[in-house]
Amino acid sequence: MKTIKVSLNSIDKVKVFVNAVSKYDSDFDLVSGRYVIDAKSIMGIFSLDLSKPIELMIHDDSVVEEVESVLQDFILE
């Protein structure tokens, strides 16, 4: 499992992000404070405080590199 910080501070970013992670069979969670939601749930994402960075947990190590390259625009270094 790997955790990376992402920024989803606009509606368009959330749409693109959900479409990108939904293409994988792997599990992804977004963590914001004490809330953990499924990263493939657009409604769940909108329940989070999107003004702050969010942690993306990638549960399948075999897709980490590919997902990082696909989500490059969202990742905060």
Protein backbone atom coordinates (compact mmCIF):
# COMPACT_ATOMS: atom_id res chain seq x y z
CA MET A 1 0.00 0.00 0.00
CA LYS A 2 1.18 3.53 -0.80
CA THR A 3 -0.15 6.90 0.32
CA ILE A 4 0.26 10.10 -1.70
CA LYS A 5 -1.12 13.62 -1.21
CA VAL A 6 -3.45 14.89 -3.92
CA SER A 7 -5.31 18.12 -4.62
CA LEU A 8 -8.92 17.92 -5.82
CA ASN A 9 -9.87 21.58 -5.50
CA SER A 10 -12.34 21.88 -8.39
CA ILE A 11 -15.36 20.02 -9.73
CA ASP A 12 -13.56 19.29 -13.01
CA LYS A 13 -10.55 17.85 -11.17
CA VAL A 14 -12.83 15.54 -9.17
CA LYS A 15 -14.54 14.28 -12.35
CA VAL A 16 -11.24 13.56 -14.10
CA PHE A 17 -9.80 11.94 -10.97
CA VAL A 18 -12.79 9.60 -10.46
CA ASN A 19 -12.77 8.60 -14.15
CA ALA A 20 -9.03 7.82 -13.93
CA VAL A 21 -9.14 5.66 -10.78
CA SER A 22 -12.36 3.91 -11.85
CA LYS A 23 -10.48 2.29 -14.74
CA TYR A 24 -8.59 0.12 -12.23
CA ASP A 25 -9.94 -2.94 -10.40
CA SER A 26 -7.76 -2.00 -7.41
CA ASP A 27 -9.04 -0.34 -4.24
CA PHE A 28 -8.35 3.33 -3.59
CA ASP A 29 -9.32 5.35 -0.51
CA LEU A 30 -9.20 9.06 0.15
CA VAL A 31 -8.41 10.18 3.70
CA SER A 32 -9.24 13.65 4.98
CA GLY A 33 -8.96 14.09 8.72
CA ARG A 34 -10.95 11.28 10.29
CA TYR A 35 -12.95 10.53 7.14
CA VAL A 36 -12.05 7.67 4.80
CA ILE A 37 -14.04 7.31 1.60
CA ASP A 38 -13.85 5.24 -1.59
CA ALA A 39 -11.87 7.24 -4.16
CA LYS A 40 -14.19 5.97 -6.92
CA SER A 41 -17.22 7.61 -5.25
CA ILE A 42 -17.81 11.07 -6.69
CA MET A 43 -20.48 11.78 -4.06
CA GLY A 44 -18.13 10.68 -1.30
CA ILE A 45 -15.39 12.98 -2.56
CA PHE A 46 -17.74 15.96 -2.54
CA SER A 47 -18.46 15.28 1.14
CA LEU A 48 -14.80 16.05 1.96
CA ASP A 49 -13.15 19.43 2.50
CA LEU A 50 -11.62 19.86 -0.96
CA SER A 51 -9.81 23.08 -0.08
CA LYS A 52 -7.13 21.04 1.72
CA PRO A 53 -4.78 18.32 0.41
CA ILE A 54 -6.22 14.80 0.65
CA GLU A 55 -4.32 11.54 1.09
CA LEU A 56 -4.86 8.90 -1.59
CA MET A 57 -4.25 5.35 -0.39
CA ILE A 58 -3.43 2.91 -3.20
CA HIS A 59 -4.00 -0.61 -1.86
CA ASP A 60 -2.51 -2.55 -4.80
CA ASP A 61 1.28 -2.20 -5.03
CA SER A 62 1.31 -3.57 -8.59
CA VAL A 63 -0.44 -0.46 -9.98
CA VAL A 64 1.28 2.27 -7.92
CA GLU A 65 3.69 3.48 -10.62
CA GLU A 66 1.04 3.49 -13.34
CA VAL A 67 -1.49 5.29 -11.15
CA GLU A 68 1.10 7.89 -10.12
CA SER A 69 1.83 8.68 -13.76
CA VAL A 70 -1.88 8.88 -14.66
CA LEU A 71 -2.63 11.13 -11.68
CA GLN A 72 0.47 13.31 -12.04
CA ASP A 73 -1.59 16.51 -12.35
CA PHE A 74 -3.24 15.89 -8.97
CA ILE A 75 -0.20 14.85 -6.91
CA LEU A 76 1.35 17.34 -4.50
CA GLU A 77 5.10 16.90 -4.11
